[in-house]
Amino acid sequence: MYGPPVDLSFKDINIITGALVEEPRSGLRPLNTNSEGKYLSRSLRISYNNITDLTDLQNVLAHFLARPSQIGWLDLSFNRITHIDPVLCELRELRVLYLHGNGIWNLSEVDRLRELQYLHTITLHGNVIETNRKYRNHVISALPQLKTMDFSVVTRGERVLANIWRHCSNQGKNTEKSLQ
């Protein structure tokens, strides 16, 4: 029913709307279209570009995909993204999100993705946040439905530790507030 990813990788796209003038790369499997010329795919790859801002991502999805609201897999790896744009939280059916190799530096940015209840796979390695010693615990506690993070399975033990870590972190915040 759904075909391979619409691939806009390595297109030297600087702004997300720059994708609108590009033709998807052809792969081993052909991309099928509907009567309107939109691709029958639930996946979009816009990796290895120079994108910094995702503000008009919805327009790009609507331009290329027959059912943009049903996108399940989005690859934004190896761009110049420094924050997790709220537009990603509008992609309610998203299951896989690749953000590795970008410039995300604030660990709390991941918290925005809590709204994505079906998100089970995420990559964030190669971002500045990876250097934070709380990195993996924070991501797993913020996104408890994750099955895979950075191409590594999230284990039951990691979930338990992340929950303990979150509980202890919240306790510390509450103690600080009560002392003020």
Protein backbone atom coordinates (compact mmCIF):
# COMPACT_ATOMS: atom_id res chain seq x y z
CA MET A 1 0.00 0.00 0.00
CA TYR A 2 2.78 2.43 0.87
CA GLY A 3 5.98 2.70 -1.06
CA PRO A 4 9.58 3.52 -0.22
CA PRO A 5 10.63 6.83 1.35
CA VAL A 6 10.47 10.00 -0.68
CA ASP A 7 14.19 10.76 -0.70
CA LEU A 8 15.38 14.36 -0.77
CA SER A 9 18.80 13.62 0.72
CA PHE A 10 22.01 15.24 -0.56
CA LYS A 11 20.12 18.02 -2.36
CA ASP A 12 21.98 20.94 -0.74
CA ILE A 13 18.70 22.27 0.64
CA ASN A 14 19.25 25.28 2.93
CA ILE A 15 15.66 26.03 3.91
CA ILE A 16 12.91 23.46 4.20
CA THR A 17 10.82 25.07 1.46
CA GLY A 18 13.78 24.59 -0.86
CA ALA A 19 12.67 20.96 -1.03
CA LEU A 20 9.59 22.04 -2.98
CA VAL A 21 11.62 22.56 -6.17
CA GLU A 22 13.51 19.27 -5.88
CA GLU A 23 12.79 15.92 -7.47
CA PRO A 24 13.11 12.93 -5.14
CA ARG A 25 16.06 10.63 -5.68
CA SER A 26 15.21 7.39 -7.42
CA GLY A 27 15.88 4.23 -5.49
CA LEU A 28 15.69 0.52 -6.11
CA ARG A 29 11.94 0.53 -5.56
CA PRO A 30 9.92 2.96 -7.68
CA LEU A 31 7.86 5.69 -6.07
CA ASN A 32 4.17 5.36 -6.92
CA THR A 33 1.87 8.35 -7.11
CA ASN A 34 -1.84 8.99 -6.86
CA SER A 35 -3.95 10.80 -9.47
CA GLU A 36 -2.74 14.15 -8.10
CA GLY A 37 0.90 13.22 -8.53
CA LYS A 38 1.52 12.85 -4.80
CA TYR A 39 3.66 10.01 -3.55
CA LEU A 40 2.08 6.99 -1.87
CA SER A 41 4.57 6.88 0.95
CA ARG A 42 4.52 7.38 4.71
CA SER A 43 8.24 8.18 4.83
CA LEU A 44 10.33 11.23 3.99
CA ARG A 45 14.10 11.46 3.99
CA ILE A 46 15.58 14.98 4.01
CA SER A 47 18.98 14.05 5.39
CA TYR A 48 22.42 15.40 4.51
CA ASN A 49 21.29 18.92 3.74
CA ASN A 50 21.83 22.29 5.49
CA ILE A 51 18.38 22.82 6.99
CA THR A 52 18.19 24.83 10.22
CA ASP A 53 14.47 25.63 10.50
CA LEU A 54 11.46 23.31 10.07
CA THR A 55 8.72 25.95 10.19
CA ASP A 56 7.20 25.04 6.80
CA LEU A 57 7.62 21.28 7.12
CA GLN A 58 3.84 20.73 6.89
CA ASN A 59 3.80 22.41 3.45
CA VAL A 60 6.62 20.17 2.25
CA LEU A 61 4.81 17.06 3.50
CA ALA A 62 1.58 18.17 1.79
CA HIS A 63 3.48 18.85 -1.44
CA PHE A 64 5.05 15.40 -1.67
CA LEU A 65 2.84 12.95 0.23
CA ALA A 66 -0.65 11.76 -0.65
CA ARG A 67 -1.47 11.51 3.07
CA PRO A 68 0.85 13.90 4.90
CA SER A 69 -0.96 13.50 8.22
CA GLN A 70 -0.04 9.81 8.19
CA ILE A 71 3.72 10.24 7.97
CA GLY A 72 5.28 7.56 10.11
CA TRP A 73 9.01 7.91 9.39
CA LEU A 74 11.00 11.14 9.05
CA ASP A 75 14.76 11.36 8.52
CA LEU A 76 16.23 14.79 9.26
CA SER A 77 19.70 13.51 10.10
CA PHE A 78 22.85 15.40 9.20
CA ASN A 79 21.36 18.86 8.85
CA ARG A 80 21.99 21.95 10.99
CA ILE A 81 18.97 21.70 13.26
CA THR A 82 19.63 23.20 16.71
CA HIS A 83 16.23 22.75 18.35
CA ILE A 84 13.22 20.46 18.11
CA ASP A 85 10.64 22.52 16.31
CA PRO A 86 7.03 22.30 17.58
CA VAL A 87 5.96 21.38 14.03
CA LEU A 88 7.35 17.89 14.69
CA CYS A 89 4.77 17.47 17.46
CA GLU A 90 2.00 17.95 14.92
CA LEU A 91 3.02 14.70 13.20
CA ARG A 92 0.76 12.54 15.38
CA GLU A 93 1.38 9.28 13.50
CA LEU A 94 5.17 9.58 13.62
CA ARG A 95 6.83 6.36 14.70
CA VAL A 96 10.45 6.85 13.63
CA LEU A 97 12.39 10.12 13.85
CA TYR A 98 16.04 10.47 12.89
CA LEU A 99 17.70 13.63 14.18
CA HIS A 100 21.28 12.37 14.55
CA GLY A 101 24.18 14.46 13.31
CA ASN A 102 22.57 17.83 13.97
CA GLY A 103 23.35 20.60 16.47
CA ILE A 104 20.72 20.11 19.18
CA TRP A 105 22.36 21.36 22.36
CA ASN A 106 19.57 21.65 24.95
CA LEU A 107 18.50 18.31 26.45
CA SER A 108 15.08 19.64 27.45
CA GLU A 109 14.25 20.04 23.74
CA VAL A 110 13.46 16.30 23.71
CA ASP A 111 10.59 16.89 26.15
CA ARG A 112 8.59 18.48 23.33
CA LEU A 113 8.25 15.08 21.68
CA ARG A 114 6.19 13.66 24.57
CA GLU A 115 3.05 14.36 22.58
CA LEU A 116 4.04 11.79 19.95
CA GLN A 117 2.46 8.72 21.51
CA TYR A 118 3.44 6.35 18.66
CA LEU A 119 7.10 7.41 18.49
CA HIS A 120 9.07 4.24 19.19
CA THR A 121 12.40 4.95 17.49
CA ILE A 122 14.57 8.05 17.73
CA THR A 123 18.16 8.92 16.95
CA LEU A 124 19.85 11.88 18.58
CA HIS A 125 23.50 10.81 18.71
CA GLY A 126 25.95 13.20 17.11
CA ASN A 127 24.19 16.18 18.70
CA VAL A 128 25.73 18.23 21.50
CA ILE A 129 23.12 16.84 23.94
CA GLU A 130 24.84 13.45 23.67
CA THR A 131 27.71 14.80 25.79
CA ASN A 132 25.39 15.39 28.75
CA ARG A 133 25.84 12.56 31.27
CA LYS A 134 22.03 12.52 31.81
CA TYR A 135 21.39 12.14 28.06
CA ARG A 136 20.11 8.57 27.73
CA ASN A 137 18.18 8.58 31.03
CA HIS A 138 16.54 11.88 30.16
CA VAL A 139 15.43 10.77 26.69
CA ILE A 140 14.10 7.42 27.91
CA SER A 141 12.20 9.04 30.78
CA ALA A 142 10.81 11.79 28.52
CA LEU A 143 9.72 9.25 25.90
CA PRO A 144 8.77 6.11 27.85
CA GLN A 145 7.25 4.41 24.78
CA LEU A 146 10.64 4.23 23.02
CA LYS A 147 11.79 0.82 21.88
CA THR A 148 14.96 1.97 20.15
CA MET A 149 17.24 4.95 20.78
CA ASP A 150 20.32 5.71 18.70
CA PHE A 151 20.00 2.35 16.91
CA SER A 152 20.18 0.54 20.25
CA VAL A 153 17.32 -1.32 21.96
CA VAL A 154 15.95 0.34 25.09
CA THR A 155 16.06 -2.39 27.74
CA ARG A 156 13.67 -2.97 30.61
CA GLY A 157 16.53 -2.17 33.01
CA GLU A 158 17.13 1.18 31.30
CA ARG A 159 13.43 2.03 31.67
CA VAL A 160 13.56 1.23 35.39
CA LEU A 161 16.71 3.33 35.86
CA ALA A 162 15.23 6.20 33.84
CA ASN A 163 12.07 6.15 35.99
CA ILE A 164 14.16 6.17 39.17
CA TRP A 165 16.30 8.96 37.74
CA ARG A 166 13.20 11.01 36.84
CA HIS A 167 11.69 10.44 40.28
CA CYS A 168 14.92 11.51 42.00
CA SER A 169 15.26 14.55 39.72
CA ASN A 170 11.70 15.63 40.50
CA GLN A 171 12.29 15.11 44.22
CA GLY A 172 15.33 17.39 44.02
CA LYS A 173 13.36 20.09 42.23
CA ASN A 174 10.55 19.91 44.80
CA THR A 175 13.06 20.13 47.66
CA GLU A 176 14.70 23.19 46.09
CA LYS A 177 11.32 24.89 45.73
CA SER A 178 10.34 24.19 49.33
CA LEU A 179 13.63 25.66 50.57
CA GLN A 180 13.01 28.95 48.77
